[in-house]
Amino acid sequence: MKISSDTLSILKNFSDINDGIHFKKGSLLATWHPAQFILAEATIKEEIPQDFTVFDLRQFLSVNSLFDEPEYSFESDKVIVTANNRSVNFLFSEPSLVLDPENRTTKYRENTLKGSIAKANITKEELKSLKQSAAILALPDIFVTGQNDTITFSVQNAENTGTNSFKVVVKGEVQEDFSSIMRCEHLKMLDGDYEFVSHPKLAYFKNVNTPIEYWIAYQSKL
């Protein structure tokens, strides 16, 4: 089996959410933040032939860089990565060492859409500006507020609102006014345009062009 560049990009993104991952038989990949603030799921092009766990996903991805278009062959306790006359035996991890999202994505998807209080679209450029402004201004929080069919993403410091701030305002559908906070460090989505749904407890982001979804827990209500 070969692993496409698109799947490698998804796996690299998932490694920013959790160091390890459970690969499940089939074409679905999911990961869960160790502190349970972020849940993500993606549909990949490949069919994974069996269940296995990788403790250090970044190391697993680095193995790929040793080769040009390597083949992945799976055994009960390892994957053998080969190209030309070179190979790597990469041993699987004990599953209990990595947090398993199990079937939570289905539950989260149903609950988020059922309990939706606001919807909008947010572009790649708008999300990029939120991340950049948080880094430049050294701000830790994103205030998400909805009112009068307008949703505002404001990068601030929840503990000191008298500091610098940056905001992005988008048009949306707001069923009820709301104000919530998420941490900037939890905005770990793959680059792209997204459909955004706000639930009283969660922010849900669904990529418009890539089959990948994220659920980010709000820290608290304002």
N, C-alpha and C. Protein backbone atom coordinates (compact mmCIF):
# COMPACT_ATOMS: atom_id res chain seq x y z
N MET A 1 0.84 -1.20 0.00
CA MET A 1 0.00 0.00 0.00
C MET A 1 0.87 1.25 0.00
N LYS A 2 0.49 2.23 -0.79
CA LYS A 2 1.14 3.53 -0.74
C LYS A 2 0.26 4.51 0.03
N ILE A 3 0.87 5.56 0.59
CA ILE A 3 0.12 6.59 1.31
C ILE A 3 0.23 7.88 0.51
N SER A 4 -0.92 8.46 0.15
CA SER A 4 -0.94 9.65 -0.69
C SER A 4 -0.46 10.89 0.07
N SER A 5 -0.10 11.91 -0.69
CA SER A 5 0.35 13.16 -0.07
C SER A 5 -0.78 13.81 0.72
N ASP A 6 -2.03 13.66 0.24
CA ASP A 6 -3.18 14.22 0.96
C ASP A 6 -3.33 13.57 2.34
N THR A 7 -3.18 12.25 2.38
CA THR A 7 -3.28 11.54 3.66
C THR A 7 -2.12 11.90 4.58
N LEU A 8 -0.94 12.06 4.03
CA LEU A 8 0.21 12.47 4.85
C LEU A 8 -0.02 13.85 5.46
N SER A 9 -0.65 14.75 4.70
CA SER A 9 -0.97 16.08 5.23
C SER A 9 -1.96 15.98 6.38
N ILE A 10 -2.97 15.12 6.23
CA ILE A 10 -3.94 14.92 7.30
C ILE A 10 -3.26 14.35 8.54
N LEU A 11 -2.41 13.37 8.34
CA LEU A 11 -1.71 12.76 9.47
C LEU A 11 -0.79 13.77 10.16
N LYS A 12 -0.12 14.61 9.38
CA LYS A 12 0.72 15.65 9.99
C LYS A 12 -0.14 16.60 10.84
N ASN A 13 -1.30 16.96 10.31
CA ASN A 13 -2.22 17.81 11.08
C ASN A 13 -2.67 17.11 12.36
N PHE A 14 -3.00 15.84 12.26
CA PHE A 14 -3.45 15.08 13.43
C PHE A 14 -2.34 14.95 14.47
N SER A 15 -1.09 14.92 14.02
CA SER A 15 0.03 14.82 14.98
C SER A 15 0.15 16.08 15.82
N ASP A 16 -0.42 17.21 15.35
CA ASP A 16 -0.45 18.44 16.15
C ASP A 16 -1.52 18.38 17.23
N ILE A 17 -2.49 17.47 17.08
CA ILE A 17 -3.57 17.33 18.04
C ILE A 17 -3.23 16.29 19.10
N ASN A 18 -2.64 15.17 18.67
CA ASN A 18 -2.23 14.12 19.59
C ASN A 18 -0.97 13.46 19.03
N ASP A 19 0.01 13.20 19.88
CA ASP A 19 1.27 12.59 19.43
C ASP A 19 1.06 11.20 18.84
N GLY A 20 0.04 10.48 19.33
CA GLY A 20 -0.22 9.13 18.86
C GLY A 20 -1.55 9.04 18.14
N ILE A 21 -1.80 7.87 17.51
CA ILE A 21 -3.06 7.69 16.79
C ILE A 21 -3.39 6.20 16.71
N HIS A 22 -4.68 5.92 16.72
CA HIS A 22 -5.19 4.58 16.46
C HIS A 22 -5.64 4.51 15.00
N PHE A 23 -4.97 3.71 14.20
CA PHE A 23 -5.44 3.43 12.84
C PHE A 23 -6.47 2.31 12.94
N LYS A 24 -7.62 2.52 12.31
CA LYS A 24 -8.67 1.51 12.30
C LYS A 24 -8.86 0.98 10.88
N LYS A 25 -9.22 -0.28 10.78
CA LYS A 25 -9.45 -0.88 9.48
C LYS A 25 -10.51 -0.09 8.71
N GLY A 26 -10.18 0.28 7.47
CA GLY A 26 -11.10 1.08 6.67
C GLY A 26 -10.48 2.40 6.26
N SER A 27 -11.32 3.37 5.95
CA SER A 27 -10.83 4.64 5.40
C SER A 27 -11.08 5.84 6.32
N LEU A 28 -11.46 5.59 7.56
CA LEU A 28 -11.69 6.68 8.51
C LEU A 28 -10.52 6.80 9.48
N LEU A 29 -10.07 8.04 9.69
CA LEU A 29 -9.05 8.33 10.69
C LEU A 29 -9.65 9.31 11.71
N ALA A 30 -9.38 9.08 12.97
CA ALA A 30 -9.86 10.01 14.00
C ALA A 30 -8.78 10.19 15.06
N THR A 31 -8.79 11.35 15.69
CA THR A 31 -7.85 11.62 16.77
C THR A 31 -8.53 12.47 17.83
N TRP A 32 -8.00 12.38 19.05
CA TRP A 32 -8.60 13.07 20.19
C TRP A 32 -7.48 13.70 21.01
N HIS A 33 -7.61 14.98 21.26
CA HIS A 33 -6.65 15.73 22.06
C HIS A 33 -6.49 15.08 23.43
N PRO A 34 -5.25 14.96 23.95
CA PRO A 34 -5.05 14.30 25.25
C PRO A 34 -5.89 14.88 26.38
N ALA A 35 -6.15 16.21 26.34
CA ALA A 35 -7.00 16.83 27.35
C ALA A 35 -8.46 16.92 26.90
N GLN A 36 -8.76 16.27 25.75
CA GLN A 36 -10.12 16.12 25.24
C GLN A 36 -10.75 17.44 24.79
N PHE A 37 -9.93 18.41 24.38
CA PHE A 37 -10.45 19.67 23.89
C PHE A 37 -10.74 19.64 22.39
N ILE A 38 -10.10 18.73 21.65
CA ILE A 38 -10.25 18.67 20.20
C ILE A 38 -10.52 17.23 19.78
N LEU A 39 -11.53 17.06 18.94
CA LEU A 39 -11.82 15.78 18.31
C LEU A 39 -11.83 16.01 16.81
N ALA A 40 -11.22 15.11 16.04
CA ALA A 40 -11.17 15.29 14.59
C ALA A 40 -11.35 13.96 13.89
N GLU A 41 -11.94 14.04 12.70
CA GLU A 41 -12.12 12.84 11.88
C GLU A 41 -11.93 13.19 10.42
N ALA A 42 -11.31 12.28 9.67
CA ALA A 42 -11.09 12.48 8.23
C ALA A 42 -11.34 11.17 7.50
N THR A 43 -11.80 11.30 6.26
CA THR A 43 -11.90 10.16 5.36
C THR A 43 -10.72 10.23 4.40
N ILE A 44 -9.95 9.15 4.35
CA ILE A 44 -8.75 9.14 3.51
C ILE A 44 -8.98 8.29 2.26
N LYS A 45 -8.08 8.40 1.30
CA LYS A 45 -8.21 7.69 0.03
C LYS A 45 -7.87 6.21 0.17
N GLU A 46 -7.02 5.89 1.14
CA GLU A 46 -6.56 4.52 1.30
C GLU A 46 -7.51 3.69 2.17
N GLU A 47 -7.42 2.38 2.03
CA GLU A 47 -8.13 1.45 2.91
C GLU A 47 -7.09 0.82 3.84
N ILE A 48 -7.15 1.19 5.12
CA ILE A 48 -6.23 0.60 6.09
C ILE A 48 -6.63 -0.86 6.29
N PRO A 49 -5.69 -1.81 6.16
CA PRO A 49 -6.07 -3.23 6.17
C PRO A 49 -6.34 -3.82 7.56
N GLN A 50 -5.92 -3.13 8.63
CA GLN A 50 -6.08 -3.70 9.96
C GLN A 50 -5.99 -2.59 11.01
N ASP A 51 -6.43 -2.91 12.22
CA ASP A 51 -6.27 -1.98 13.35
C ASP A 51 -4.84 -2.03 13.87
N PHE A 52 -4.28 -0.86 14.18
CA PHE A 52 -2.99 -0.80 14.85
C PHE A 52 -2.81 0.59 15.46
N THR A 53 -1.87 0.71 16.38
CA THR A 53 -1.65 1.97 17.09
C THR A 53 -0.23 2.44 16.91
N VAL A 54 -0.07 3.73 16.68
CA VAL A 54 1.25 4.37 16.59
C VAL A 54 1.37 5.35 17.75
N PHE A 55 2.40 5.18 18.56
CA PHE A 55 2.59 6.03 19.73
C PHE A 55 3.18 7.38 19.36
N ASP A 56 4.12 7.40 18.40
CA ASP A 56 4.78 8.64 17.98
C ASP A 56 4.49 8.86 16.50
N LEU A 57 3.43 9.60 16.21
CA LEU A 57 3.00 9.79 14.83
C LEU A 57 4.01 10.61 14.03
N ARG A 58 4.65 11.58 14.66
CA ARG A 58 5.65 12.39 13.95
C ARG A 58 6.82 11.51 13.49
N GLN A 59 7.23 10.58 14.34
CA GLN A 59 8.31 9.66 13.95
C GLN A 59 7.86 8.77 12.80
N PHE A 60 6.63 8.30 12.87
CA PHE A 60 6.08 7.47 11.80
C PHE A 60 6.10 8.24 10.46
N LEU A 61 5.73 9.52 10.51
CA LEU A 61 5.72 10.33 9.30
C LEU A 61 7.14 10.63 8.82
N SER A 62 8.06 10.76 9.74
CA SER A 62 9.45 11.03 9.36
C SER A 62 10.06 9.84 8.62
N VAL A 63 9.60 8.64 8.94
CA VAL A 63 10.09 7.46 8.23
C VAL A 63 9.80 7.58 6.74
N ASN A 64 8.64 8.14 6.41
CA ASN A 64 8.27 8.31 5.00
C ASN A 64 9.29 9.17 4.25
N SER A 65 9.89 10.13 4.94
CA SER A 65 10.84 11.03 4.28
C SER A 65 12.16 10.33 3.92
N LEU A 66 12.36 9.14 4.43
CA LEU A 66 13.58 8.38 4.10
C LEU A 66 13.50 7.76 2.71
N PHE A 67 12.30 7.75 2.13
CA PHE A 67 12.08 7.03 0.88
C PHE A 67 11.38 7.91 -0.14
N ASP A 68 11.41 7.43 -1.36
CA ASP A 68 10.65 8.05 -2.45
C ASP A 68 9.50 7.12 -2.80
N GLU A 69 8.28 7.53 -2.46
CA GLU A 69 7.08 6.75 -2.70
C GLU A 69 7.20 5.32 -2.16
N PRO A 70 7.35 5.17 -0.85
CA PRO A 70 7.51 3.83 -0.27
C PRO A 70 6.23 3.01 -0.27
N GLU A 71 6.39 1.71 -0.13
CA GLU A 71 5.29 0.77 0.04
C GLU A 71 5.18 0.42 1.52
N TYR A 72 3.94 0.28 2.00
CA TYR A 72 3.68 -0.09 3.38
C TYR A 72 3.05 -1.48 3.40
N SER A 73 3.74 -2.43 4.07
CA SER A 73 3.24 -3.79 4.20
C SER A 73 2.98 -4.06 5.68
N PHE A 74 1.82 -4.60 6.00
CA PHE A 74 1.40 -4.72 7.39
C PHE A 74 1.49 -6.16 7.88
N GLU A 75 2.05 -6.31 9.07
CA GLU A 75 2.08 -7.59 9.76
C GLU A 75 1.39 -7.42 11.11
N SER A 76 1.33 -8.45 11.90
CA SER A 76 0.54 -8.39 13.15
C SER A 76 1.09 -7.39 14.14
N ASP A 77 2.41 -7.19 14.15
CA ASP A 77 3.02 -6.33 15.17
C ASP A 77 3.79 -5.14 14.60
N LYS A 78 3.79 -5.00 13.27
CA LYS A 78 4.59 -3.93 12.66
C LYS A 78 4.15 -3.65 11.24
N VAL A 79 4.61 -2.48 10.75
CA VAL A 79 4.48 -2.16 9.34
C VAL A 79 5.89 -2.09 8.76
N ILE A 80 6.06 -2.67 7.59
CA ILE A 80 7.36 -2.67 6.91
C ILE A 80 7.29 -1.65 5.78
N VAL A 81 8.14 -0.64 5.87
CA VAL A 81 8.18 0.43 4.88
C VAL A 81 9.36 0.17 3.96
N THR A 82 9.11 0.06 2.65
CA THR A 82 10.17 -0.32 1.72
C THR A 82 10.16 0.55 0.47
N ALA A 83 11.35 0.72 -0.10
CA ALA A 83 11.53 1.35 -1.41
C ALA A 83 12.91 0.96 -1.91
N ASN A 84 12.95 0.48 -3.15
CA ASN A 84 14.21 0.02 -3.74
C ASN A 84 14.85 -1.03 -2.84
N ASN A 85 16.07 -0.80 -2.37
CA ASN A 85 16.76 -1.83 -1.57
C ASN A 85 16.80 -1.47 -0.09
N ARG A 86 15.91 -0.59 0.36
CA ARG A 86 15.91 -0.15 1.75
C ARG A 86 14.57 -0.45 2.41
N SER A 87 14.60 -0.62 3.72
CA SER A 87 13.35 -0.89 4.43
C SER A 87 13.47 -0.49 5.90
N VAL A 88 12.33 -0.23 6.52
CA VAL A 88 12.24 0.06 7.94
C VAL A 88 11.15 -0.82 8.53
N ASN A 89 11.45 -1.46 9.66
CA ASN A 89 10.43 -2.16 10.45
C ASN A 89 9.96 -1.20 11.53
N PHE A 90 8.70 -0.79 11.46
CA PHE A 90 8.15 0.14 12.45
C PHE A 90 7.15 -0.61 13.31
N LEU A 91 7.49 -0.75 14.58
CA LEU A 91 6.69 -1.56 15.49
C LEU A 91 5.45 -0.79 15.97
N PHE A 92 4.34 -1.52 16.10
CA PHE A 92 3.12 -0.93 16.61
C PHE A 92 3.20 -0.75 18.12
N SER A 93 2.37 0.15 18.63
CA SER A 93 2.36 0.47 20.05
C SER A 93 1.26 -0.30 20.77
N GLU A 94 1.39 -0.37 22.09
CA GLU A 94 0.32 -0.87 22.95
C GLU A 94 -0.85 0.11 22.87
N PRO A 95 -2.05 -0.33 22.47
CA PRO A 95 -3.18 0.58 22.28
C PRO A 95 -3.55 1.42 23.49
N SER A 96 -3.35 0.90 24.68
CA SER A 96 -3.75 1.63 25.89
C SER A 96 -2.91 2.88 26.13
N LEU A 97 -1.80 3.04 25.41
CA LEU A 97 -0.92 4.19 25.60
C LEU A 97 -1.40 5.44 24.85
N VAL A 98 -2.38 5.28 23.97
CA VAL A 98 -2.88 6.39 23.17
C VAL A 98 -4.38 6.54 23.38
N LEU A 99 -4.82 7.76 23.64
CA LEU A 99 -6.24 8.03 23.85
C LEU A 99 -7.04 7.68 22.59
N ASP A 100 -8.08 6.88 22.76
CA ASP A 100 -8.86 6.38 21.63
C ASP A 100 -10.19 7.13 21.54
N PRO A 101 -10.47 7.82 20.42
CA PRO A 101 -11.75 8.51 20.27
C PRO A 101 -12.92 7.56 20.09
N GLU A 102 -12.63 6.29 19.77
CA GLU A 102 -13.66 5.26 19.56
C GLU A 102 -14.71 5.77 18.57
N ASN A 103 -15.99 5.73 18.94
CA ASN A 103 -17.05 6.16 18.00
C ASN A 103 -17.62 7.52 18.37
N ARG A 104 -16.84 8.34 19.05
CA ARG A 104 -17.36 9.63 19.53
C ARG A 104 -17.69 10.60 18.40
N THR A 105 -17.04 10.48 17.25
CA THR A 105 -17.31 11.44 16.18
C THR A 105 -18.77 11.39 15.72
N THR A 106 -19.32 10.20 15.65
CA THR A 106 -20.73 10.07 15.25
C THR A 106 -21.64 10.76 16.26
N LYS A 107 -21.37 10.54 17.54
CA LYS A 107 -22.18 11.17 18.59
C LYS A 107 -22.01 12.68 18.57
N TYR A 108 -20.78 13.15 18.43
CA TYR A 108 -20.52 14.59 18.41
C TYR A 108 -21.20 15.24 17.22
N ARG A 109 -21.12 14.58 16.05
CA ARG A 109 -21.73 15.15 14.84
C ARG A 109 -23.24 15.29 15.02
N GLU A 110 -23.87 14.25 15.50
CA GLU A 110 -25.32 14.28 15.70
C GLU A 110 -25.71 15.35 16.73
N ASN A 111 -25.00 15.37 17.86
CA ASN A 111 -25.35 16.32 18.92
C ASN A 111 -25.08 17.76 18.52
N THR A 112 -23.99 17.98 17.79
CA THR A 112 -23.64 19.34 17.39
C THR A 112 -24.68 19.91 16.42
N LEU A 113 -25.03 19.11 15.41
CA LEU A 113 -25.99 19.59 14.43
C LEU A 113 -27.39 19.72 15.03
N LYS A 114 -27.75 18.80 15.91
CA LYS A 114 -29.06 18.86 16.55
C LYS A 114 -29.18 20.07 17.48
N GLY A 115 -28.08 20.38 18.18
CA GLY A 115 -28.10 21.48 19.14
C GLY A 115 -27.52 22.77 18.61
N SER A 116 -27.42 22.90 17.29
CA SER A 116 -26.82 24.09 16.67
C SER A 116 -27.56 25.37 17.05
N ILE A 117 -26.79 26.41 17.39
CA ILE A 117 -27.38 27.72 17.66
C ILE A 117 -26.92 28.78 16.66
N ALA A 118 -25.94 28.42 15.81
CA ALA A 118 -25.47 29.38 14.80
C ALA A 118 -24.67 28.64 13.73
N LYS A 119 -24.71 29.18 12.51
CA LYS A 119 -23.96 28.61 11.39
C LYS A 119 -23.37 29.73 10.55
N ALA A 120 -22.21 29.46 9.95
CA ALA A 120 -21.57 30.44 9.07
C ALA A 120 -20.52 29.73 8.23
N ASN A 121 -19.97 30.43 7.27
CA ASN A 121 -18.81 29.97 6.51
C ASN A 121 -17.64 30.87 6.86
N ILE A 122 -16.46 30.25 6.99
CA ILE A 122 -15.26 31.03 7.29
C ILE A 122 -14.16 30.56 6.34
N THR A 123 -13.48 31.52 5.72
CA THR A 123 -12.52 31.19 4.68
C THR A 123 -11.14 30.85 5.24
N LYS A 124 -10.34 30.26 4.37
CA LYS A 124 -8.96 29.93 4.70
C LYS A 124 -8.19 31.18 5.14
N GLU A 125 -8.40 32.28 4.42
CA GLU A 125 -7.69 33.52 4.74
C GLU A 125 -8.12 34.09 6.09
N GLU A 126 -9.42 33.98 6.40
CA GLU A 126 -9.91 34.48 7.68
C GLU A 126 -9.35 33.66 8.85
N LEU A 127 -9.33 32.35 8.69
CA LEU A 127 -8.75 31.50 9.74
C LEU A 127 -7.25 31.76 9.90
N LYS A 128 -6.57 31.93 8.77
CA LYS A 128 -5.13 32.22 8.82
C LYS A 128 -4.87 33.51 9.57
N SER A 129 -5.71 34.52 9.34
CA SER A 129 -5.51 35.81 10.01
C SER A 129 -5.74 35.69 11.51
N LEU A 130 -6.66 34.83 11.94
CA LEU A 130 -6.87 34.61 13.37
C LEU A 130 -5.64 34.00 14.01
N LYS A 131 -5.08 32.99 13.35
CA LYS A 131 -3.89 32.34 13.88
C LYS A 131 -2.69 33.30 13.91
N GLN A 132 -2.52 34.05 12.82
CA GLN A 132 -1.38 34.97 12.74
C GLN A 132 -1.49 36.09 13.77
N SER A 133 -2.68 36.63 13.93
CA SER A 133 -2.85 37.73 14.89
C SER A 133 -2.61 37.24 16.31
N ALA A 134 -3.04 36.01 16.62
CA ALA A 134 -2.80 35.45 17.95
C ALA A 134 -1.30 35.34 18.22
N ALA A 135 -0.54 34.92 17.21
CA ALA A 135 0.91 34.79 17.37
C ALA A 135 1.59 36.15 17.47
N ILE A 136 1.21 37.08 16.60
CA ILE A 136 1.85 38.40 16.57
C ILE A 136 1.55 39.19 17.85
N LEU A 137 0.29 39.14 18.29
CA LEU A 137 -0.12 39.92 19.46
C LEU A 137 0.03 39.16 20.77
N ALA A 138 0.48 37.89 20.68
CA ALA A 138 0.68 37.05 21.87
C ALA A 138 -0.61 36.96 22.70
N LEU A 139 -1.70 36.61 22.03
CA LEU A 139 -3.01 36.52 22.68
C LEU A 139 -3.47 35.06 22.70
N PRO A 140 -4.06 34.61 23.82
CA PRO A 140 -4.34 33.18 23.99
C PRO A 140 -5.75 32.73 23.63
N ASP A 141 -6.70 33.66 23.48
CA ASP A 141 -8.10 33.26 23.41
C ASP A 141 -8.80 33.80 22.17
N ILE A 142 -9.85 33.09 21.75
CA ILE A 142 -10.73 33.56 20.70
C ILE A 142 -12.14 33.64 21.27
N PHE A 143 -12.68 34.85 21.33
CA PHE A 143 -14.06 35.04 21.76
C PHE A 143 -14.94 34.83 20.53
N VAL A 144 -15.93 33.98 20.63
CA VAL A 144 -16.87 33.74 19.53
C VAL A 144 -18.24 34.23 19.98
N THR A 145 -18.75 35.23 19.27
CA THR A 145 -20.04 35.79 19.66
C THR A 145 -20.97 35.84 18.44
N GLY A 146 -22.24 35.61 18.69
CA GLY A 146 -23.23 35.63 17.63
C GLY A 146 -24.40 36.52 17.99
N GLN A 147 -24.76 37.41 17.06
CA GLN A 147 -25.88 38.32 17.30
C GLN A 147 -26.33 38.90 15.96
N ASN A 148 -27.64 38.95 15.76
CA ASN A 148 -28.23 39.58 14.57
C ASN A 148 -27.63 39.03 13.27
N ASP A 149 -27.53 37.71 13.17
CA ASP A 149 -27.00 37.05 11.97
C ASP A 149 -25.57 37.46 11.65
N THR A 150 -24.82 37.83 12.67
CA THR A 150 -23.40 38.13 12.52
C THR A 150 -22.62 37.37 13.58
N ILE A 151 -21.54 36.72 13.15
CA ILE A 151 -20.67 35.98 14.08
C ILE A 151 -19.30 36.63 14.07
N THR A 152 -18.81 36.96 15.26
CA THR A 152 -17.52 37.63 15.40
C THR A 152 -16.53 36.71 16.10
N PHE A 153 -15.36 36.54 15.48
CA PHE A 153 -14.24 35.82 16.07
C PHE A 153 -13.22 36.87 16.50
N SER A 154 -13.05 37.03 17.81
CA SER A 154 -12.19 38.08 18.33
C SER A 154 -11.04 37.49 19.13
N VAL A 155 -9.82 37.75 18.66
CA VAL A 155 -8.62 37.27 19.35
C VAL A 155 -8.29 38.24 20.47
N GLN A 156 -8.34 37.75 21.72
CA GLN A 156 -8.13 38.60 22.89
C GLN A 156 -7.46 37.80 24.00
N ASN A 157 -7.38 38.43 25.16
CA ASN A 157 -6.95 37.75 26.38
C ASN A 157 -8.14 37.76 27.34
N ALA A 158 -8.69 36.58 27.61
CA ALA A 158 -9.89 36.49 28.44
C ALA A 158 -9.66 37.02 29.85
N GLU A 159 -8.42 36.97 30.32
CA GLU A 159 -8.11 37.42 31.68
C GLU A 159 -7.79 38.91 31.75
N ASN A 160 -7.61 39.53 30.58
CA ASN A 160 -7.30 40.96 30.54
C ASN A 160 -7.82 41.54 29.23
N THR A 161 -9.09 41.93 29.20
CA THR A 161 -9.71 42.43 27.98
C THR A 161 -9.26 43.84 27.61
N GLY A 162 -8.39 44.43 28.43
CA GLY A 162 -7.87 45.75 28.12
C GLY A 162 -6.64 45.72 27.23
N THR A 163 -6.24 44.52 26.76
CA THR A 163 -5.07 44.39 25.90
C THR A 163 -5.45 44.55 24.43
N ASN A 164 -4.47 44.39 23.54
CA ASN A 164 -4.72 44.43 22.11
C ASN A 164 -5.72 43.35 21.71
N SER A 165 -6.35 43.53 20.56
CA SER A 165 -7.29 42.52 20.08
C SER A 165 -7.36 42.58 18.56
N PHE A 166 -7.93 41.53 17.98
CA PHE A 166 -8.10 41.43 16.53
C PHE A 166 -9.39 40.67 16.29
N LYS A 167 -10.17 41.07 15.28
CA LYS A 167 -11.42 40.36 15.06
C LYS A 167 -11.72 40.16 13.58
N VAL A 168 -12.46 39.09 13.33
CA VAL A 168 -13.00 38.77 12.01
C VAL A 168 -14.50 38.65 12.16
N VAL A 169 -15.24 39.34 11.32
CA VAL A 169 -16.70 39.34 11.38
C VAL A 169 -17.24 38.67 10.12
N VAL A 170 -18.12 37.68 10.30
CA VAL A 170 -18.70 36.98 9.14
C VAL A 170 -20.22 36.96 9.27
N LYS A 171 -20.88 36.89 8.13
CA LYS A 171 -22.33 36.76 8.11
C LYS A 171 -22.71 35.30 8.37
N GLY A 172 -23.81 35.10 9.08
CA GLY A 172 -24.23 33.74 9.37
C GLY A 172 -25.69 33.66 9.74
N GLU A 173 -26.09 32.50 10.22
CA GLU A 173 -27.45 32.28 10.71
C GLU A 173 -27.35 32.08 12.23
N VAL A 174 -27.92 32.97 12.99
CA VAL A 174 -27.85 32.91 14.45
C VAL A 174 -29.25 32.67 15.01
N GLN A 175 -29.46 31.47 15.55
CA GLN A 175 -30.77 31.12 16.12
C GLN A 175 -30.98 31.77 17.49
N GLU A 176 -29.90 31.92 18.24
CA GLU A 176 -29.96 32.61 19.52
C GLU A 176 -28.62 33.26 19.80
N ASP A 177 -28.64 34.43 20.43
CA ASP A 177 -27.39 35.13 20.73
C ASP A 177 -26.53 34.27 21.65
N PHE A 178 -25.22 34.32 21.43
CA PHE A 178 -24.32 33.53 22.28
C PHE A 178 -22.96 34.22 22.37
N SER A 179 -22.23 33.86 23.41
CA SER A 179 -20.85 34.33 23.60
C SER A 179 -20.07 33.20 24.25
N SER A 180 -19.00 32.76 23.60
CA SER A 180 -18.19 31.65 24.11
C SER A 180 -16.72 31.92 23.85
N ILE A 181 -15.87 31.11 24.46
CA ILE A 181 -14.42 31.28 24.32
C ILE A 181 -13.78 29.96 23.96
N MET A 182 -12.85 30.00 23.00
CA MET A 182 -11.99 28.85 22.75
C MET A 182 -10.53 29.31 22.81
N ARG A 183 -9.64 28.38 23.06
CA ARG A 183 -8.22 28.71 23.12
C ARG A 183 -7.63 28.76 21.71
N CYS A 184 -6.79 29.76 21.45
CA CYS A 184 -6.14 29.87 20.14
C CYS A 184 -5.33 28.61 19.83
N GLU A 185 -4.71 28.03 20.84
CA GLU A 185 -3.87 26.86 20.63
C GLU A 185 -4.67 25.64 20.19
N HIS A 186 -5.99 25.70 20.33
CA HIS A 186 -6.84 24.58 19.91
C HIS A 186 -7.35 24.74 18.48
N LEU A 187 -7.02 25.84 17.83
CA LEU A 187 -7.43 26.08 16.45
C LEU A 187 -6.42 25.40 15.52
N LYS A 188 -6.52 24.08 15.44
CA LYS A 188 -5.50 23.28 14.76
C LYS A 188 -6.01 22.64 13.48
N MET A 189 -6.87 23.34 12.76
CA MET A 189 -7.44 22.75 11.55
C MET A 189 -6.46 22.77 10.39
N LEU A 190 -6.63 21.81 9.50
CA LEU A 190 -5.94 21.82 8.22
C LEU A 190 -6.35 23.08 7.45
N ASP A 191 -5.43 23.68 6.72
CA ASP A 191 -5.76 24.88 5.95
C ASP A 191 -6.93 24.62 5.00
N GLY A 192 -7.82 25.61 4.89
CA GLY A 192 -8.94 25.47 3.96
C GLY A 192 -10.12 26.31 4.38
N ASP A 193 -11.16 26.29 3.56
CA ASP A 193 -12.42 26.96 3.86
C ASP A 193 -13.29 26.00 4.66
N TYR A 194 -14.07 26.56 5.60
CA TYR A 194 -14.85 25.70 6.50
C TYR A 194 -16.28 26.18 6.68
N GLU A 195 -17.16 25.20 6.89
CA GLU A 195 -18.49 25.46 7.43
C GLU A 195 -18.33 25.44 8.96
N PHE A 196 -18.85 26.47 9.61
CA PHE A 196 -18.75 26.59 11.07
C PHE A 196 -20.13 26.45 11.69
N VAL A 197 -20.22 25.63 12.73
CA VAL A 197 -21.47 25.49 13.49
C VAL A 197 -21.14 25.69 14.97
N SER A 198 -21.91 26.52 15.63
CA SER A 198 -21.72 26.72 17.06
C SER A 198 -22.80 25.98 17.83
N HIS A 199 -22.36 25.21 18.80
CA HIS A 199 -23.20 24.50 19.76
C HIS A 199 -22.90 25.17 21.10
N PRO A 200 -23.79 25.11 22.08
CA PRO A 200 -23.49 25.75 23.36
C PRO A 200 -22.17 25.30 24.00
N LYS A 201 -21.71 24.10 23.69
CA LYS A 201 -20.48 23.60 24.30
C LYS A 201 -19.33 23.42 23.32
N LEU A 202 -19.63 23.45 22.02
CA LEU A 202 -18.63 23.08 21.03
C LEU A 202 -18.66 24.00 19.81
N ALA A 203 -17.50 24.16 19.20
CA ALA A 203 -17.39 24.75 17.88
C ALA A 203 -17.08 23.63 16.90
N TYR A 204 -17.84 23.56 15.83
CA TYR A 204 -17.69 22.49 14.84
C TYR A 204 -17.24 23.10 13.52
N PHE A 205 -16.16 22.56 12.95
CA PHE A 205 -15.63 23.04 11.68
C PHE A 205 -15.58 21.87 10.70
N LYS A 206 -16.22 22.04 9.54
CA LYS A 206 -16.22 21.03 8.49
C LYS A 206 -15.58 21.62 7.24
N ASN A 207 -14.49 21.02 6.80
CA ASN A 207 -13.77 21.52 5.64
C ASN A 207 -14.63 21.39 4.38
N VAL A 208 -14.65 22.44 3.58
CA VAL A 208 -15.51 22.48 2.40
C VAL A 208 -14.99 21.57 1.29
N ASN A 209 -13.67 21.42 1.16
CA ASN A 209 -13.09 20.70 0.03
C ASN A 209 -12.43 19.37 0.41
N THR A 210 -12.09 19.20 1.65
CA THR A 210 -11.42 17.98 2.12
C THR A 210 -12.33 17.31 3.15
N PRO A 211 -12.51 15.99 3.10
CA PRO A 211 -13.41 15.31 4.04
C PRO A 211 -12.80 15.19 5.44
N ILE A 212 -12.77 16.33 6.13
CA ILE A 212 -12.20 16.37 7.47
C ILE A 212 -13.04 17.31 8.34
N GLU A 213 -13.25 16.92 9.60
CA GLU A 213 -14.10 17.66 10.53
C GLU A 213 -13.40 17.79 11.88
N TYR A 214 -13.72 18.88 12.57
CA TYR A 214 -13.13 19.13 13.90
C TYR A 214 -14.23 19.60 14.86
N TRP A 215 -14.12 19.15 16.10
CA TRP A 215 -14.97 19.65 17.18
C TRP A 215 -14.04 20.22 18.25
N ILE A 216 -14.21 21.49 18.59
CA ILE A 216 -13.35 22.16 19.56
C ILE A 216 -14.20 22.61 20.73
N ALA A 217 -13.83 22.19 21.92
CA ALA A 217 -14.63 22.53 23.12
C ALA A 217 -14.42 23.99 23.49
N TYR A 218 -15.53 24.67 23.77
CA TYR A 218 -15.45 26.01 24.34
C TYR A 218 -14.95 25.92 25.77
N GLN A 219 -14.18 26.95 26.17
CA GLN A 219 -13.64 26.99 27.52
C GLN A 219 -14.73 27.36 28.53
N SER A 220 -15.55 28.35 28.17
CA SER A 220 -16.60 28.80 29.06
C SER A 220 -17.48 29.77 28.30
N LYS A 221 -18.57 30.17 28.92
CA LYS A 221 -19.41 31.22 28.36
C LYS A 221 -18.98 32.56 28.96
N LEU A 222 -19.15 33.62 28.19
CA LEU A 222 -18.81 34.96 28.69
C LEU A 222 -19.90 35.44 29.65
